[in-house]
Amino acid sequence: MHPAQPQEAELNNLISDPSKPHSKRGGPKYIAPYTPSHLKDMIQVLTNLLERYRDDRALAPILVEYIDVVARRSEGPPEDANTVIEEDG
């Protein structure tokens, strides 16, 4: 006997969409120390995925958001291994 397949609504609740975060985790936000080369490689990989899946209405906007985040990060000052961002509030 096979288990029932999850319904689309159930899957949507399980999938994390960075534009609509629903995490309740707290504490300081850690920013991983990527080199400019790492960031450039991430943009390239994400851009290739966007080209491949540009017609996917669910995935394409998420990839665009990731590309934007990495691009903004690549323009900022480099972080060291212990970079922590304290959130207000």
N, C-alpha and C. Protein backbone atom coordinates (compact mmCIF):
# COMPACT_ATOMS: atom_id res chain seq x y z
N MET A 1 0.83 -1.17 0.00
CA MET A 1 0.00 0.00 0.00
C MET A 1 0.88 1.25 0.00
N HIS A 2 0.60 2.18 -0.92
CA HIS A 2 1.41 3.40 -1.05
C HIS A 2 0.80 4.52 -0.22
N PRO A 3 1.67 5.34 0.39
CA PRO A 3 1.13 6.48 1.14
C PRO A 3 0.50 7.48 0.18
N ALA A 4 -0.46 8.24 0.68
CA ALA A 4 -1.14 9.23 -0.15
C ALA A 4 -0.16 10.32 -0.57
N GLN A 5 -0.31 10.78 -1.80
CA GLN A 5 0.53 11.88 -2.29
C GLN A 5 0.10 13.18 -1.64
N PRO A 6 1.06 14.04 -1.25
CA PRO A 6 0.67 15.32 -0.65
C PRO A 6 -0.05 16.19 -1.68
N GLN A 7 -1.02 16.92 -1.22
CA GLN A 7 -1.76 17.83 -2.08
C GLN A 7 -0.91 19.08 -2.32
N GLU A 8 -1.25 19.83 -3.39
CA GLU A 8 -0.48 21.02 -3.74
C GLU A 8 -0.43 22.03 -2.60
N ALA A 9 -1.54 22.23 -1.91
CA ALA A 9 -1.57 23.18 -0.79
C ALA A 9 -0.60 22.76 0.31
N GLU A 10 -0.52 21.45 0.58
CA GLU A 10 0.41 20.96 1.60
C GLU A 10 1.85 21.20 1.17
N LEU A 11 2.14 20.97 -0.11
CA LEU A 11 3.49 21.20 -0.62
C LEU A 11 3.86 22.67 -0.54
N ASN A 12 2.92 23.55 -0.88
CA ASN A 12 3.19 24.98 -0.82
C ASN A 12 3.51 25.42 0.60
N ASN A 13 2.91 24.80 1.60
CA ASN A 13 3.20 25.14 2.98
C ASN A 13 4.59 24.66 3.40
N LEU A 14 5.10 23.63 2.75
CA LEU A 14 6.41 23.08 3.10
C LEU A 14 7.55 23.79 2.40
N ILE A 15 7.29 24.35 1.23
CA ILE A 15 8.33 24.98 0.43
C ILE A 15 8.59 26.38 0.95
N SER A 16 9.85 26.69 1.17
CA SER A 16 10.21 28.01 1.67
C SER A 16 10.37 28.98 0.51
N ASP A 17 9.65 30.08 0.55
CA ASP A 17 9.73 31.13 -0.46
C ASP A 17 10.41 32.32 0.20
N PRO A 18 11.63 32.69 -0.25
CA PRO A 18 12.34 33.78 0.42
C PRO A 18 11.61 35.11 0.37
N SER A 19 10.68 35.28 -0.55
CA SER A 19 9.94 36.53 -0.60
C SER A 19 8.80 36.54 0.42
N LYS A 20 8.48 35.36 0.99
CA LYS A 20 7.43 35.24 2.01
C LYS A 20 7.91 34.34 3.14
N PRO A 21 8.91 34.79 3.89
CA PRO A 21 9.44 33.91 4.94
C PRO A 21 8.43 33.67 6.05
N HIS A 22 8.42 32.45 6.56
CA HIS A 22 7.53 32.13 7.66
C HIS A 22 8.27 31.44 8.80
N SER A 23 9.56 31.65 8.86
CA SER A 23 10.37 31.07 9.91
C SER A 23 10.18 31.85 11.21
N LYS A 24 10.12 31.13 12.30
CA LYS A 24 9.97 31.76 13.62
C LYS A 24 11.30 31.76 14.39
N ARG A 25 12.38 31.40 13.71
CA ARG A 25 13.67 31.36 14.39
C ARG A 25 14.11 32.75 14.80
N GLY A 26 14.76 32.85 15.93
CA GLY A 26 15.23 34.13 16.42
C GLY A 26 16.73 34.13 16.57
N GLY A 27 17.23 35.20 17.13
CA GLY A 27 18.66 35.30 17.37
C GLY A 27 19.34 36.12 16.32
N PRO A 28 20.65 36.34 16.49
CA PRO A 28 21.38 37.15 15.51
C PRO A 28 21.45 36.45 14.16
N LYS A 29 21.50 37.25 13.14
CA LYS A 29 21.58 36.72 11.77
C LYS A 29 23.05 36.62 11.37
N TYR A 30 23.49 35.43 11.06
CA TYR A 30 24.87 35.19 10.65
C TYR A 30 24.98 35.36 9.15
N ILE A 31 25.98 36.09 8.71
CA ILE A 31 26.25 36.27 7.29
C ILE A 31 27.53 35.50 6.97
N ALA A 32 27.42 34.48 6.13
CA ALA A 32 28.59 33.66 5.79
C ALA A 32 29.62 34.49 5.03
N PRO A 33 30.90 34.24 5.27
CA PRO A 33 31.97 35.01 4.64
C PRO A 33 32.33 34.49 3.24
N TYR A 34 31.67 34.98 2.23
CA TYR A 34 31.97 34.57 0.86
C TYR A 34 32.99 35.52 0.24
N THR A 35 33.88 34.96 -0.55
CA THR A 35 34.85 35.79 -1.28
C THR A 35 34.17 36.37 -2.52
N PRO A 36 34.75 37.41 -3.12
CA PRO A 36 34.19 37.93 -4.36
C PRO A 36 34.07 36.86 -5.45
N SER A 37 35.00 35.93 -5.46
CA SER A 37 34.94 34.83 -6.43
C SER A 37 33.74 33.92 -6.17
N HIS A 38 33.47 33.62 -4.90
CA HIS A 38 32.29 32.82 -4.55
C HIS A 38 31.02 33.50 -5.02
N LEU A 39 30.91 34.79 -4.75
CA LEU A 39 29.71 35.54 -5.12
C LEU A 39 29.53 35.57 -6.64
N LYS A 40 30.63 35.76 -7.36
CA LYS A 40 30.57 35.77 -8.82
C LYS A 40 30.08 34.40 -9.33
N ASP A 41 30.61 33.32 -8.76
CA ASP A 41 30.20 31.98 -9.15
C ASP A 41 28.72 31.73 -8.84
N MET A 42 28.26 32.22 -7.67
CA MET A 42 26.84 32.05 -7.33
C MET A 42 25.94 32.78 -8.31
N ILE A 43 26.31 34.00 -8.68
CA ILE A 43 25.51 34.75 -9.65
C ILE A 43 25.47 34.00 -10.98
N GLN A 44 26.59 33.44 -11.38
CA GLN A 44 26.63 32.70 -12.66
C GLN A 44 25.72 31.47 -12.62
N VAL A 45 25.79 30.72 -11.53
CA VAL A 45 24.95 29.52 -11.40
C VAL A 45 23.47 29.90 -11.36
N LEU A 46 23.14 30.90 -10.56
CA LEU A 46 21.74 31.34 -10.46
C LEU A 46 21.22 31.88 -11.79
N THR A 47 22.07 32.61 -12.52
CA THR A 47 21.68 33.13 -13.84
C THR A 47 21.44 31.99 -14.82
N ASN A 48 22.30 30.98 -14.78
CA ASN A 48 22.09 29.81 -15.65
C ASN A 48 20.77 29.10 -15.32
N LEU A 49 20.48 28.97 -14.03
CA LEU A 49 19.21 28.35 -13.63
C LEU A 49 18.03 29.20 -14.10
N LEU A 50 18.15 30.52 -13.98
CA LEU A 50 17.08 31.41 -14.42
C LEU A 50 16.84 31.28 -15.92
N GLU A 51 17.92 31.20 -16.69
CA GLU A 51 17.78 31.01 -18.14
C GLU A 51 17.08 29.69 -18.45
N ARG A 52 17.44 28.66 -17.71
CA ARG A 52 16.87 27.33 -17.95
C ARG A 52 15.39 27.26 -17.56
N TYR A 53 15.03 27.94 -16.46
CA TYR A 53 13.67 27.85 -15.93
C TYR A 53 12.91 29.18 -16.01
N ARG A 54 13.22 30.01 -16.98
CA ARG A 54 12.61 31.34 -17.07
C ARG A 54 11.09 31.30 -17.23
N ASP A 55 10.53 30.20 -17.75
CA ASP A 55 9.09 30.09 -17.93
C ASP A 55 8.37 29.54 -16.70
N ASP A 56 9.12 29.17 -15.67
CA ASP A 56 8.52 28.63 -14.45
C ASP A 56 8.09 29.82 -13.57
N ARG A 57 6.79 30.05 -13.50
CA ARG A 57 6.27 31.23 -12.80
C ARG A 57 6.51 31.19 -11.30
N ALA A 58 6.73 30.03 -10.74
CA ALA A 58 7.00 29.94 -9.30
C ALA A 58 8.49 30.10 -9.01
N LEU A 59 9.34 29.49 -9.81
CA LEU A 59 10.77 29.48 -9.54
C LEU A 59 11.49 30.74 -10.01
N ALA A 60 11.13 31.26 -11.17
CA ALA A 60 11.86 32.39 -11.75
C ALA A 60 11.92 33.60 -10.80
N PRO A 61 10.82 34.01 -10.16
CA PRO A 61 10.93 35.16 -9.26
C PRO A 61 11.84 34.91 -8.05
N ILE A 62 11.88 33.68 -7.58
CA ILE A 62 12.76 33.33 -6.47
C ILE A 62 14.21 33.42 -6.90
N LEU A 63 14.52 32.92 -8.09
CA LEU A 63 15.89 33.00 -8.60
C LEU A 63 16.30 34.46 -8.80
N VAL A 64 15.39 35.29 -9.31
CA VAL A 64 15.69 36.72 -9.49
C VAL A 64 16.01 37.35 -8.14
N GLU A 65 15.23 37.03 -7.12
CA GLU A 65 15.48 37.58 -5.78
C GLU A 65 16.85 37.13 -5.27
N TYR A 66 17.19 35.85 -5.44
CA TYR A 66 18.50 35.37 -5.01
C TYR A 66 19.62 36.09 -5.75
N ILE A 67 19.46 36.27 -7.05
CA ILE A 67 20.48 36.98 -7.85
C ILE A 67 20.66 38.40 -7.32
N ASP A 68 19.54 39.08 -7.04
CA ASP A 68 19.60 40.45 -6.52
C ASP A 68 20.33 40.50 -5.18
N VAL A 69 20.02 39.55 -4.29
CA VAL A 69 20.65 39.52 -2.97
C VAL A 69 22.16 39.30 -3.11
N VAL A 70 22.56 38.37 -3.95
CA VAL A 70 23.99 38.08 -4.13
C VAL A 70 24.68 39.28 -4.79
N ALA A 71 24.02 39.91 -5.77
CA ALA A 71 24.61 41.07 -6.43
C ALA A 71 24.81 42.22 -5.45
N ARG A 72 23.81 42.48 -4.60
CA ARG A 72 23.96 43.54 -3.59
C ARG A 72 25.10 43.21 -2.63
N ARG A 73 25.18 41.96 -2.26
CA ARG A 73 26.24 41.54 -1.34
C ARG A 73 27.62 41.70 -1.97
N SER A 74 27.71 41.43 -3.27
CA SER A 74 29.01 41.53 -3.94
C SER A 74 29.48 42.98 -4.05
N GLU A 75 28.55 43.94 -3.93
CA GLU A 75 28.90 45.36 -4.00
C GLU A 75 29.32 45.92 -2.65
N GLY A 76 29.02 45.19 -1.56
CA GLY A 76 29.30 45.69 -0.22
C GLY A 76 30.70 45.34 0.23
N PRO A 77 31.05 45.80 1.44
CA PRO A 77 32.38 45.48 1.98
C PRO A 77 32.47 44.00 2.33
N PRO A 78 33.64 43.40 2.21
CA PRO A 78 33.80 41.98 2.54
C PRO A 78 33.61 41.76 4.04
N GLU A 79 32.99 40.64 4.38
CA GLU A 79 32.79 40.30 5.78
C GLU A 79 33.88 39.32 6.22
N ASP A 80 34.13 39.31 7.51
CA ASP A 80 35.06 38.31 8.01
C ASP A 80 34.27 37.10 8.52
N ALA A 81 34.97 36.09 9.00
CA ALA A 81 34.35 34.82 9.37
C ALA A 81 33.37 34.95 10.54
N ASN A 82 33.44 36.04 11.28
CA ASN A 82 32.59 36.19 12.46
C ASN A 82 31.52 37.27 12.30
N THR A 83 31.13 37.56 11.08
CA THR A 83 30.15 38.62 10.86
C THR A 83 28.79 38.20 11.37
N VAL A 84 28.24 39.02 12.23
CA VAL A 84 26.90 38.79 12.75
C VAL A 84 26.14 40.11 12.66
N ILE A 85 24.93 40.06 12.17
CA ILE A 85 24.08 41.24 12.08
C ILE A 85 23.08 41.18 13.22
N GLU A 86 23.08 42.16 14.08
CA GLU A 86 22.10 42.23 15.17
C GLU A 86 20.84 42.86 14.63
N GLU A 87 19.71 42.17 14.84
CA GLU A 87 18.44 42.70 14.36
C GLU A 87 17.85 43.63 15.40
N ASP A 88 17.26 44.73 14.93
CA ASP A 88 16.59 45.68 15.82
C ASP A 88 15.30 45.09 16.35
N GLY A 89 14.94 45.45 17.56
CA GLY A 89 13.66 45.03 18.11
C GLY A 89 13.80 43.93 19.01
